[in-house]
Amino acid sequence: MNVIFEIYKTLLKKFGKQGWWPTTKANSLIPVYDKNFPKKRRTEREKLEIAIGAILTQNTTWKNVEKAIKNLKKNGLLNRKKLKEISVEELANYIRSSGYFKQKAKKIKAYIEFKGKVTRKNLLKIWGVGKETADSILLYAYNKPIFVIDAYTKRILSRIGFNAKTYEEFQNIFHNNLRRNHIIFNEYHALLVKLAKEYCKKNNPLCKKCPILKFCNYGKSKV
């Protein structure tokens, strides 16, 4: 049995399509979810917004990122040209809600200056862009089939019983057990985040009610 694929099917049946990555629409300031989003090609504006969101979400909650995105859009700053023109200090003030705003302003500036081909290798050369951020940009903005590994994913897989330690080891669990398809990777990662927030919590996980309890060594030891 392919446990990784079975978990995906179980979570998709339980939670349904998640519609990641949320982006703003022409007439709105708040990012919204669209269940068909994974299947769509991104506009240049969406690519930029997703990349900025991936940087802003480092070490903070999405709720705080939404506030920053709203501020940027309200002031016409979800635009490469305008982001280049604004100072780091001014940009930092607009994204204050995301935390570490001075550092993140510098990271956004570094990303905006990037002119090369969008590849994982090139993205990782940009100051402030790590593996998780680069992979988020590739998967969600550019529809590249590369699985994003975050703290939620590591927590769930470790509890299930997978013996992985490095980012690449966790990532290969998905790459080696699933068809390389950006729609599946998109949905799966979003579903794991949903699971982690509602059931597989860091403290006091709800193991008895967890939809993937039958696959989880940790959960079965707790019930």
Protein backbone atom coordinates (compact mmCIF):
# COMPACT_ATOMS: atom_id res chain seq x y z
CA MET A 1 0.00 0.00 0.00
CA ASN A 2 1.24 3.48 -0.88
CA VAL A 3 0.64 5.15 2.49
CA ILE A 4 1.47 8.63 1.24
CA PHE A 5 -1.12 8.45 -1.54
CA GLU A 6 -3.72 6.87 0.77
CA ILE A 7 -3.26 9.72 3.25
CA TYR A 8 -3.76 12.21 0.43
CA LYS A 9 -7.01 10.56 -0.66
CA THR A 10 -8.24 10.42 2.95
CA LEU A 11 -7.52 14.08 3.60
CA LEU A 12 -9.02 15.21 0.31
CA LYS A 13 -12.22 13.31 1.11
CA LYS A 14 -12.31 14.75 4.62
CA PHE A 15 -11.49 18.41 3.92
CA GLY A 16 -12.09 18.89 0.21
CA LYS A 17 -10.08 21.16 -2.08
CA GLN A 18 -8.31 23.96 -0.24
CA GLY A 19 -7.77 26.43 -3.08
CA TRP A 20 -4.23 27.46 -2.26
CA TRP A 21 -2.54 29.99 -2.72
CA PRO A 22 -5.01 32.71 -1.72
CA THR A 23 -4.60 35.86 -3.80
CA THR A 24 -6.37 39.18 -4.04
CA LYS A 25 -8.81 39.88 -6.82
CA ALA A 26 -9.07 43.08 -8.85
CA ASN A 27 -11.76 44.51 -6.58
CA SER A 28 -10.56 43.21 -3.21
CA LEU A 29 -7.76 43.87 -0.77
CA ILE A 30 -7.91 40.57 1.12
CA PRO A 31 -6.49 37.37 -0.40
CA VAL A 32 -9.24 34.84 -1.12
CA TYR A 33 -9.24 31.10 -1.77
CA ASP A 34 -10.30 29.66 -5.11
CA LYS A 35 -10.80 25.87 -5.29
CA ASN A 36 -9.82 25.90 -8.96
CA PHE A 37 -6.69 27.97 -8.37
CA PRO A 38 -4.22 25.04 -8.55
CA LYS A 39 -5.35 24.31 -12.12
CA LYS A 40 -4.98 27.88 -13.36
CA ARG A 41 -2.00 29.61 -14.88
CA ARG A 42 -0.79 32.56 -12.85
CA THR A 43 -0.83 36.13 -14.04
CA GLU A 44 2.33 38.15 -13.48
CA ARG A 45 0.55 40.05 -10.72
CA GLU A 46 -0.37 36.79 -8.99
CA LYS A 47 3.18 35.47 -9.30
CA LEU A 48 4.51 38.59 -7.63
CA GLU A 49 1.88 38.54 -4.89
CA ILE A 50 2.51 34.87 -4.11
CA ALA A 51 6.27 35.40 -3.95
CA ILE A 52 5.84 38.35 -1.61
CA GLY A 53 3.42 36.33 0.48
CA ALA A 54 5.90 33.46 0.69
CA ILE A 55 8.51 35.84 2.07
CA LEU A 56 6.09 37.55 4.45
CA THR A 57 4.83 34.27 5.90
CA GLN A 58 8.26 33.36 7.26
CA ASN A 59 7.96 32.97 11.05
CA THR A 60 4.44 34.33 11.30
CA THR A 61 0.78 33.43 10.76
CA TRP A 62 -1.13 33.89 7.52
CA LYS A 63 -3.49 36.26 9.34
CA ASN A 64 -0.60 38.68 9.83
CA VAL A 65 0.45 38.24 6.20
CA GLU A 66 -3.06 39.14 5.01
CA LYS A 67 -2.84 42.46 6.83
CA ALA A 68 0.47 43.23 5.15
CA ILE A 69 -0.81 42.20 1.70
CA LYS A 70 -3.88 44.39 2.21
CA ASN A 71 -1.65 47.32 3.10
CA LEU A 72 0.56 46.82 0.07
CA LYS A 73 -2.32 46.53 -2.35
CA LYS A 74 -4.21 49.49 -0.87
CA ASN A 75 -1.13 51.61 -1.52
CA GLY A 76 -0.51 50.26 -5.02
CA LEU A 77 2.63 48.38 -4.03
CA LEU A 78 1.90 44.95 -5.47
CA ASN A 79 3.85 46.19 -8.44
CA ARG A 80 7.51 45.56 -9.28
CA LYS A 81 8.20 49.08 -10.51
CA LYS A 82 6.74 50.72 -7.42
CA LEU A 83 8.45 48.28 -5.09
CA LYS A 84 11.78 49.18 -6.70
CA GLU A 85 11.10 52.89 -6.23
CA ILE A 86 10.07 52.74 -2.57
CA SER A 87 12.73 52.73 0.16
CA VAL A 88 13.35 49.75 2.43
CA GLU A 89 12.23 51.84 5.40
CA GLU A 90 8.92 52.79 3.75
CA LEU A 91 8.28 49.21 2.66
CA ALA A 92 8.98 47.96 6.17
CA ASN A 93 6.25 50.21 7.56
CA TYR A 94 3.67 48.77 5.16
CA ILE A 95 4.46 45.18 6.16
CA ARG A 96 4.87 45.77 9.89
CA SER A 97 2.08 43.30 10.76
CA SER A 98 4.11 40.38 9.38
CA GLY A 99 6.84 40.68 12.02
CA TYR A 100 10.58 40.96 11.35
CA PHE A 101 9.40 43.64 8.93
CA LYS A 102 12.76 45.33 8.42
CA GLN A 103 14.40 42.08 7.39
CA LYS A 104 11.45 41.08 5.25
CA ALA A 105 11.48 44.45 3.48
CA LYS A 106 15.10 43.80 2.53
CA LYS A 107 14.21 40.30 1.36
CA ILE A 108 11.39 41.59 -0.84
CA LYS A 109 13.74 44.17 -2.29
CA ALA A 110 16.30 41.45 -3.04
CA TYR A 111 13.65 39.33 -4.73
CA ILE A 112 12.42 42.26 -6.84
CA GLU A 113 15.96 42.83 -8.13
CA PHE A 114 16.24 39.22 -9.29
CA LYS A 115 16.28 39.03 -13.09
CA GLY A 116 17.36 35.47 -13.85
CA LYS A 117 15.44 32.39 -14.90
CA VAL A 118 13.09 31.19 -12.18
CA THR A 119 14.68 27.94 -11.03
CA ARG A 120 15.20 26.53 -7.56
CA LYS A 121 18.95 26.98 -7.85
CA ASN A 122 18.59 30.64 -8.82
CA LEU A 123 15.94 31.43 -6.22
CA LEU A 124 18.14 30.03 -3.47
CA LYS A 125 20.84 32.52 -4.49
CA ILE A 126 18.55 35.41 -3.53
CA TRP A 127 19.26 36.79 -0.09
CA GLY A 128 16.50 35.81 2.32
CA VAL A 129 15.04 33.02 0.19
CA GLY A 130 15.43 29.60 1.78
CA LYS A 131 14.27 26.19 0.63
CA GLU A 132 10.70 26.44 1.89
CA THR A 133 10.23 29.93 0.45
CA ALA A 134 11.79 28.98 -2.90
CA ASP A 135 9.66 25.86 -3.18
CA SER A 136 6.51 27.79 -2.26
CA ILE A 137 7.23 30.26 -5.05
CA LEU A 138 7.91 27.48 -7.55
CA LEU A 139 4.85 25.40 -6.65
CA TYR A 140 2.25 28.08 -6.04
CA ALA A 141 3.37 30.86 -8.37
CA TYR A 142 4.89 28.87 -11.23
CA ASN A 143 3.04 25.52 -11.03
CA LYS A 144 6.27 23.55 -10.71
CA PRO A 145 5.86 20.05 -9.24
CA ILE A 146 8.03 20.42 -6.17
CA PHE A 147 6.68 19.61 -2.72
CA VAL A 148 6.89 22.28 -0.02
CA ILE A 149 8.14 21.11 3.36
CA ASP A 150 7.25 23.14 6.41
CA ALA A 151 7.04 22.57 10.17
CA TYR A 152 3.52 21.15 9.86
CA THR A 153 4.59 18.56 7.29
CA LYS A 154 7.60 17.51 9.34
CA ARG A 155 5.46 17.12 12.45
CA ILE A 156 2.85 14.96 10.71
CA LEU A 157 5.30 12.71 8.87
CA SER A 158 7.44 12.21 11.97
CA ARG A 159 4.40 11.22 14.01
CA ILE A 160 3.22 8.84 11.31
CA GLY A 161 6.59 7.12 11.59
CA PHE A 162 8.73 8.28 8.68
CA ASN A 163 12.40 8.42 9.54
CA ALA A 164 13.48 11.67 7.90
CA LYS A 165 15.61 14.49 9.23
CA THR A 166 16.68 16.83 6.46
CA TYR A 167 14.46 18.98 4.25
CA GLU A 168 15.36 16.86 1.23
CA GLU A 169 14.61 13.60 3.03
CA PHE A 170 11.11 14.80 3.91
CA GLN A 171 10.61 16.11 0.39
CA ASN A 172 11.69 12.85 -1.22
CA ILE A 173 8.98 10.98 0.67
CA PHE A 174 6.47 12.82 -1.52
CA HIS A 175 8.55 12.94 -4.68
CA ASN A 176 9.18 9.19 -4.56
CA ASN A 177 5.61 8.13 -3.73
CA LEU A 178 3.46 10.45 -5.82
CA ARG A 179 3.11 11.34 -9.45
CA ARG A 180 5.04 14.58 -10.06
CA ASN A 181 2.03 16.80 -10.53
CA HIS A 182 1.77 20.37 -9.27
CA ILE A 183 -1.99 20.12 -8.65
CA ILE A 184 -1.56 17.11 -6.36
CA PHE A 185 1.40 18.69 -4.58
CA ASN A 186 -0.51 21.94 -4.15
CA GLU A 187 -3.58 20.27 -2.67
CA TYR A 188 -1.63 17.83 -0.54
CA HIS A 189 0.50 20.44 1.15
CA ALA A 190 -2.55 22.60 1.86
CA LEU A 191 -4.38 19.58 3.29
CA LEU A 192 -1.48 18.79 5.60
CA VAL A 193 -1.54 22.35 6.92
CA LYS A 194 -5.29 21.98 7.53
CA LEU A 195 -4.71 18.69 9.35
CA ALA A 196 -1.95 20.15 11.51
CA LYS A 197 -4.01 23.15 12.55
CA GLU A 198 -7.19 21.21 13.36
CA TYR A 199 -5.97 17.82 14.58
CA CYS A 200 -2.21 17.20 14.55
CA LYS A 201 -1.45 20.13 16.81
CA LYS A 202 1.97 20.68 18.32
CA ASN A 203 0.56 20.43 21.83
CA ASN A 204 -2.47 18.31 22.74
CA PRO A 205 -3.11 16.75 19.32
CA LEU A 206 -6.62 15.38 18.79
CA CYS A 207 -5.48 11.88 17.92
CA LYS A 208 -8.76 10.08 18.64
CA LYS A 209 -10.62 12.21 16.08
CA CYS A 210 -7.80 12.45 13.53
CA PRO A 211 -8.87 11.34 10.03
CA ILE A 212 -5.53 9.60 9.41
CA LEU A 213 -5.25 7.89 12.80
CA LYS A 214 -5.01 4.45 11.20
CA PHE A 215 -1.78 5.47 9.44
CA CYS A 216 -0.14 7.15 12.44
CA ASN A 217 2.16 5.37 14.89
CA TYR A 218 2.09 8.29 17.31
CA GLY A 219 -1.68 8.57 17.25
CA LYS A 220 -2.28 4.84 17.74
CA SER A 221 0.01 4.89 20.77
CA LYS A 222 -2.09 7.63 22.34
CA VAL A 223 -5.55 6.07 22.00
